[in-house]
N, C-alpha and C. Protein backbone atom coordinates (compact mmCIF):
# COMPACT_ATOMS: atom_id res chain seq x y z
N MET A 1 -75.23 -9.81 100.77
CA MET A 1 -74.53 -8.57 100.49
C MET A 1 -75.49 -7.68 99.46
N VAL A 2 -75.54 -6.35 99.93
CA VAL A 2 -76.33 -5.49 99.10
C VAL A 2 -75.40 -4.55 98.12
N THR A 3 -75.77 -4.52 96.85
CA THR A 3 -75.00 -3.61 95.99
C THR A 3 -75.74 -2.48 95.59
N ILE A 4 -75.12 -1.34 95.80
CA ILE A 4 -75.82 0.00 95.37
C ILE A 4 -75.11 0.47 94.06
N LYS A 5 -75.87 0.64 93.11
CA LYS A 5 -75.31 1.19 91.86
C LYS A 5 -75.80 2.69 91.84
N ARG A 6 -74.91 3.55 91.42
CA ARG A 6 -75.10 4.79 91.44
C ARG A 6 -74.74 5.38 90.00
N SER A 7 -75.39 6.22 89.40
CA SER A 7 -75.08 6.73 88.06
C SER A 7 -74.82 8.25 88.19
N PHE A 8 -73.83 8.78 87.44
CA PHE A 8 -73.51 10.08 87.38
C PHE A 8 -73.53 10.61 86.01
N SER A 9 -73.82 11.89 85.84
CA SER A 9 -73.73 12.60 84.59
C SER A 9 -72.75 13.77 84.78
N VAL A 10 -72.08 13.99 83.64
CA VAL A 10 -70.93 14.89 83.59
C VAL A 10 -71.18 15.96 82.56
N THR A 11 -71.06 17.08 82.92
CA THR A 11 -71.22 18.14 81.87
C THR A 11 -69.96 19.07 81.80
N ALA A 12 -69.41 19.12 80.52
CA ALA A 12 -68.15 19.95 80.57
C ALA A 12 -68.55 21.47 80.54
N ILE A 13 -67.75 22.23 81.26
CA ILE A 13 -67.95 23.75 81.04
C ILE A 13 -66.81 24.27 80.60
N SER A 14 -67.01 25.13 79.48
CA SER A 14 -65.91 25.93 78.88
C SER A 14 -66.50 27.14 78.22
N ASP A 15 -65.53 27.87 77.83
CA ASP A 15 -65.93 29.05 77.14
C ASP A 15 -66.83 28.84 75.82
N ALA A 16 -66.56 27.63 75.29
CA ALA A 16 -67.27 27.06 73.97
C ALA A 16 -68.61 26.45 74.51
N GLN A 17 -68.56 26.08 75.59
CA GLN A 17 -69.88 25.28 76.03
C GLN A 17 -70.10 25.61 77.47
N PRO A 18 -70.83 26.87 77.56
CA PRO A 18 -71.22 27.39 79.13
C PRO A 18 -72.31 26.54 79.50
N LEU A 19 -72.52 26.60 80.83
CA LEU A 19 -73.61 25.87 81.57
C LEU A 19 -74.88 26.60 81.42
N ALA A 20 -75.89 25.86 81.00
CA ALA A 20 -77.24 26.50 80.96
C ALA A 20 -77.88 26.86 82.36
N ALA A 21 -78.80 27.62 82.58
CA ALA A 21 -79.21 28.05 83.90
C ALA A 21 -80.00 26.82 84.48
N SER A 22 -80.71 25.97 83.80
CA SER A 22 -81.15 24.83 84.45
C SER A 22 -80.13 23.77 84.87
N GLU A 23 -78.88 23.71 84.29
CA GLU A 23 -77.83 22.88 84.70
C GLU A 23 -77.23 23.38 85.81
N LEU A 24 -77.11 24.80 85.89
CA LEU A 24 -76.62 25.35 87.15
C LEU A 24 -77.45 25.12 88.24
N ALA A 25 -78.76 25.27 88.22
CA ALA A 25 -79.74 24.93 89.23
C ALA A 25 -79.59 23.47 89.61
N HIS A 26 -79.55 22.66 88.65
CA HIS A 26 -79.41 21.19 89.20
C HIS A 26 -78.16 20.89 89.78
N ALA A 27 -77.14 21.32 89.44
CA ALA A 27 -75.79 21.19 89.92
C ALA A 27 -75.80 21.65 91.50
N CYS A 28 -76.58 22.67 91.84
CA CYS A 28 -76.66 23.18 93.12
C CYS A 28 -77.95 22.53 93.88
N GLY A 29 -78.54 21.78 93.30
CA GLY A 29 -79.84 21.18 94.04
C GLY A 29 -80.74 22.21 94.18
N ALA A 30 -81.08 23.15 93.32
CA ALA A 30 -81.96 24.25 93.35
C ALA A 30 -82.82 24.32 92.22
N GLY A 31 -83.87 25.30 92.10
CA GLY A 31 -84.55 25.48 90.94
C GLY A 31 -83.99 26.69 90.15
N ILE A 32 -84.59 26.87 88.99
CA ILE A 32 -84.23 28.06 88.20
C ILE A 32 -84.63 29.45 88.88
N GLU A 33 -85.63 29.45 89.50
CA GLU A 33 -85.86 30.53 90.40
C GLU A 33 -84.68 31.08 91.30
N TRP A 34 -84.09 30.05 91.93
CA TRP A 34 -82.83 30.32 92.86
C TRP A 34 -81.82 30.97 91.91
N VAL A 35 -81.57 30.46 90.59
CA VAL A 35 -80.65 30.99 89.83
C VAL A 35 -80.89 32.41 89.43
N MET A 36 -82.29 32.57 89.23
CA MET A 36 -82.74 34.07 88.89
C MET A 36 -82.25 34.95 90.20
N GLN A 37 -82.65 34.51 91.39
CA GLN A 37 -82.18 35.34 92.40
C GLN A 37 -80.66 35.58 92.48
N LEU A 38 -79.88 34.48 92.36
CA LEU A 38 -78.46 34.65 92.33
C LEU A 38 -78.00 35.88 91.31
N VAL A 39 -78.54 35.81 90.19
CA VAL A 39 -78.18 36.91 89.12
C VAL A 39 -78.77 38.25 89.74
N ASP A 40 -79.99 38.20 90.40
CA ASP A 40 -80.57 39.53 90.74
C ASP A 40 -79.70 40.25 91.88
N VAL A 41 -79.05 39.43 92.87
CA VAL A 41 -78.19 39.98 93.84
C VAL A 41 -76.74 40.05 93.58
N GLY A 42 -76.36 39.46 92.21
CA GLY A 42 -75.18 39.94 91.83
C GLY A 42 -73.91 38.64 92.13
N ILE A 43 -74.50 37.59 92.70
CA ILE A 43 -73.61 36.46 92.84
C ILE A 43 -73.04 35.80 91.70
N VAL A 44 -73.82 35.64 90.63
CA VAL A 44 -73.33 35.15 89.33
C VAL A 44 -73.85 36.07 88.29
N GLN A 45 -73.05 36.04 87.23
CA GLN A 45 -73.61 36.67 85.97
C GLN A 45 -73.68 35.78 84.82
N ALA A 46 -74.54 36.07 83.88
CA ALA A 46 -74.87 35.15 82.75
C ALA A 46 -73.66 35.46 81.84
N HIS A 47 -73.39 34.53 81.07
CA HIS A 47 -72.17 34.56 80.10
C HIS A 47 -72.42 35.75 79.23
N GLU A 48 -71.38 36.63 79.16
CA GLU A 48 -71.52 37.93 78.34
C GLU A 48 -72.56 38.90 78.84
N GLY A 49 -72.93 38.67 80.15
CA GLY A 49 -73.85 39.61 80.87
C GLY A 49 -75.25 39.77 80.27
N ASP A 50 -75.72 38.72 79.40
CA ASP A 50 -76.94 38.77 78.72
C ASP A 50 -78.08 38.14 79.57
N THR A 51 -78.77 39.02 80.24
CA THR A 51 -79.94 38.42 80.99
C THR A 51 -81.35 38.95 80.41
N SER A 52 -81.21 39.48 79.17
CA SER A 52 -82.37 40.17 78.59
C SER A 52 -83.40 39.13 78.12
N GLY A 53 -82.84 37.88 77.75
CA GLY A 53 -83.65 36.76 77.34
C GLY A 53 -84.33 35.91 78.48
N PRO A 54 -85.11 35.10 78.35
CA PRO A 54 -85.65 34.27 79.38
C PRO A 54 -84.59 33.57 80.07
N PRO A 55 -84.81 33.11 81.42
CA PRO A 55 -83.63 32.48 82.01
C PRO A 55 -83.31 31.09 81.38
N HIS A 56 -84.10 30.39 80.80
CA HIS A 56 -83.64 29.12 80.17
C HIS A 56 -82.68 29.21 79.02
N GLU A 57 -82.59 30.64 78.47
CA GLU A 57 -81.45 30.94 77.50
C GLU A 57 -80.12 31.37 78.19
N TRP A 58 -80.12 31.70 79.55
CA TRP A 58 -78.89 32.20 80.00
C TRP A 58 -77.86 31.06 80.07
N ARG A 59 -76.52 31.56 80.01
CA ARG A 59 -75.51 30.59 79.95
C ARG A 59 -74.45 30.99 81.11
N PHE A 60 -73.75 30.29 81.67
CA PHE A 60 -72.79 30.49 82.86
C PHE A 60 -71.55 29.80 82.71
N GLN A 61 -70.30 30.50 83.02
CA GLN A 61 -69.08 29.94 82.96
C GLN A 61 -68.85 29.20 84.09
N SER A 62 -67.61 28.44 84.38
CA SER A 62 -67.41 27.69 85.48
C SER A 62 -67.23 28.46 86.69
N ALA A 63 -66.78 29.71 86.65
CA ALA A 63 -66.68 30.46 87.88
C ALA A 63 -68.08 30.79 88.53
N ALA A 64 -69.21 30.83 87.67
CA ALA A 64 -70.47 31.16 88.21
C ALA A 64 -70.91 29.79 89.05
N LEU A 65 -70.53 28.73 88.62
CA LEU A 65 -70.84 27.31 89.22
C LEU A 65 -70.09 27.34 90.54
N GLN A 66 -68.99 27.74 90.69
CA GLN A 66 -68.19 27.94 92.06
C GLN A 66 -68.81 28.87 92.90
N CYS A 67 -69.42 29.98 92.47
CA CYS A 67 -70.02 31.05 93.34
C CYS A 67 -71.25 30.59 93.82
N ALA A 68 -72.10 29.91 92.73
CA ALA A 68 -73.38 29.29 93.18
C ALA A 68 -73.24 28.40 94.27
N LEU A 69 -72.35 27.40 94.08
CA LEU A 69 -72.10 26.36 95.01
C LEU A 69 -71.75 26.96 96.39
N GLU A 70 -70.84 27.79 96.46
CA GLU A 70 -70.51 28.54 97.64
C GLU A 70 -71.63 29.31 98.31
N ALA A 71 -72.60 29.97 97.53
CA ALA A 71 -73.83 30.59 97.87
C ALA A 71 -74.71 29.45 98.71
N ARG A 72 -74.83 28.52 97.92
CA ARG A 72 -75.73 27.26 98.38
C ARG A 72 -75.26 26.79 99.75
N ARG A 73 -73.72 26.67 99.89
CA ARG A 73 -73.26 26.27 101.23
C ARG A 73 -73.51 27.19 102.25
N LEU A 74 -73.41 28.47 101.96
CA LEU A 74 -73.50 29.60 102.94
C LEU A 74 -75.12 29.37 103.45
N GLU A 75 -75.93 29.32 102.54
CA GLU A 75 -77.48 29.09 102.89
C GLU A 75 -77.64 28.00 103.87
N ARG A 76 -77.13 26.86 103.41
CA ARG A 76 -77.28 25.48 104.15
C ARG A 76 -76.52 25.60 105.43
N ASP A 77 -75.27 25.95 105.46
CA ASP A 77 -74.59 25.72 106.65
C ASP A 77 -74.73 26.80 107.71
N PHE A 78 -75.16 28.15 107.33
CA PHE A 78 -75.14 29.30 108.20
C PHE A 78 -76.52 30.02 108.07
N GLY A 79 -77.44 29.45 107.26
CA GLY A 79 -78.83 30.00 107.11
C GLY A 79 -78.87 31.45 106.76
N VAL A 80 -77.83 31.89 105.85
CA VAL A 80 -77.80 33.18 105.41
C VAL A 80 -78.73 33.29 104.18
N GLY A 81 -79.16 34.54 104.00
CA GLY A 81 -79.88 34.88 102.76
C GLY A 81 -78.92 35.22 101.54
N LEU A 82 -79.54 35.19 100.42
CA LEU A 82 -78.68 35.46 99.38
C LEU A 82 -77.97 36.80 99.22
N ASP A 83 -78.68 37.83 99.89
CA ASP A 83 -78.00 39.14 99.92
C ASP A 83 -76.82 39.07 100.74
N ALA A 84 -76.87 38.41 101.85
CA ALA A 84 -75.67 38.27 102.82
C ALA A 84 -74.73 37.30 102.10
N ALA A 85 -74.97 36.36 101.42
CA ALA A 85 -74.20 35.46 100.72
C ALA A 85 -73.37 36.21 99.81
N ALA A 86 -74.09 37.01 98.97
CA ALA A 86 -73.29 37.94 97.93
C ALA A 86 -72.30 38.60 98.69
N LEU A 87 -72.52 39.35 99.86
CA LEU A 87 -71.64 40.16 100.42
C LEU A 87 -70.49 39.39 101.05
N ILE A 88 -70.69 38.30 101.56
CA ILE A 88 -69.65 37.36 102.03
C ILE A 88 -68.80 37.02 100.87
N ILE A 89 -69.34 36.58 99.73
CA ILE A 89 -68.46 36.05 98.66
C ILE A 89 -67.74 37.19 98.05
N ASP A 90 -68.29 38.40 98.08
CA ASP A 90 -67.43 39.44 97.70
C ASP A 90 -66.44 39.86 98.61
N LEU A 91 -66.48 39.61 99.86
CA LEU A 91 -65.50 39.92 100.85
C LEU A 91 -64.45 38.94 100.85
N GLU A 92 -64.75 37.61 100.54
CA GLU A 92 -63.90 36.67 100.37
C GLU A 92 -62.88 36.92 99.32
N ARG A 93 -63.56 37.30 98.09
CA ARG A 93 -62.77 37.58 96.88
C ARG A 93 -61.69 38.78 97.16
N GLU A 94 -62.23 39.74 97.83
CA GLU A 94 -61.43 40.92 98.07
C GLU A 94 -60.07 40.48 99.00
N VAL A 95 -60.45 39.67 99.96
CA VAL A 95 -59.49 39.16 100.95
C VAL A 95 -58.41 38.45 100.10
N ARG A 96 -58.83 37.45 99.20
CA ARG A 96 -57.96 36.70 98.42
C ARG A 96 -57.02 37.60 97.43
N ARG A 97 -57.71 38.69 96.88
CA ARG A 97 -56.98 39.77 96.17
C ARG A 97 -55.90 40.47 96.92
N LEU A 98 -56.28 40.68 98.07
CA LEU A 98 -55.34 41.42 98.90
C LEU A 98 -54.20 40.65 99.39
N LYS A 99 -54.60 39.38 99.65
CA LYS A 99 -53.50 38.47 100.08
C LYS A 99 -52.60 38.35 98.95
N ALA A 100 -52.98 38.26 97.75
CA ALA A 100 -52.08 37.87 96.62
C ALA A 100 -51.35 39.11 96.41
N LEU A 101 -51.86 40.33 96.45
CA LEU A 101 -51.12 41.62 96.38
C LEU A 101 -50.00 41.70 97.52
N VAL A 102 -50.25 41.40 98.61
CA VAL A 102 -49.19 41.41 99.67
C VAL A 102 -48.09 40.44 99.33
N ASN A 103 -48.56 39.26 98.93
CA ASN A 103 -47.46 38.10 98.76
C ASN A 103 -46.66 38.71 97.38
N ALA A 104 -47.21 39.28 96.53
CA ALA A 104 -46.57 39.67 95.34
C ALA A 104 -45.48 40.77 95.66
N GLN A 105 -46.05 41.63 96.71
CA GLN A 105 -45.12 42.84 97.08
C GLN A 105 -43.93 42.29 97.80
N ALA A 106 -44.32 41.25 98.69
CA ALA A 106 -43.18 40.56 99.51
C ALA A 106 -42.23 39.88 98.67
N ILE A 107 -42.57 39.29 97.51
CA ILE A 107 -41.72 38.67 96.65
C ILE A 107 -40.85 39.71 95.83
N HIS A 108 -41.54 40.64 95.55
CA HIS A 108 -40.78 41.75 94.79
C HIS A 108 -39.86 42.37 95.65
N ALA A 109 -40.15 42.57 96.92
CA ALA A 109 -39.20 43.36 97.67
C ALA A 109 -37.93 42.70 98.18
N ARG A 110 -37.82 41.32 97.76
CA ARG A 110 -36.69 40.60 98.13
C ARG A 110 -35.63 40.91 97.22
């Protein structure tokens, strides 16, 4: 019988302890240059919008991780570029917002 041992590392993400750009890149299986591209196309924003410093000083909230993982999935599964991924992610957000608005209006109308 062969035993396979795996190790995992966990990083907490909170307002008090946002994710570093290198950690975001690692979580997505990418390099820091890819994270820079995510910021350039508007898929993610650095914590408090500060990208004036070098990328290794950038910090990201958990929502950025979710968007970055979605962008990575779109690249991998559908072969889209980051510009197209940004558009798709924006459209998905808008659809969710509109569905919530319609549901809220339906509940209010009862």
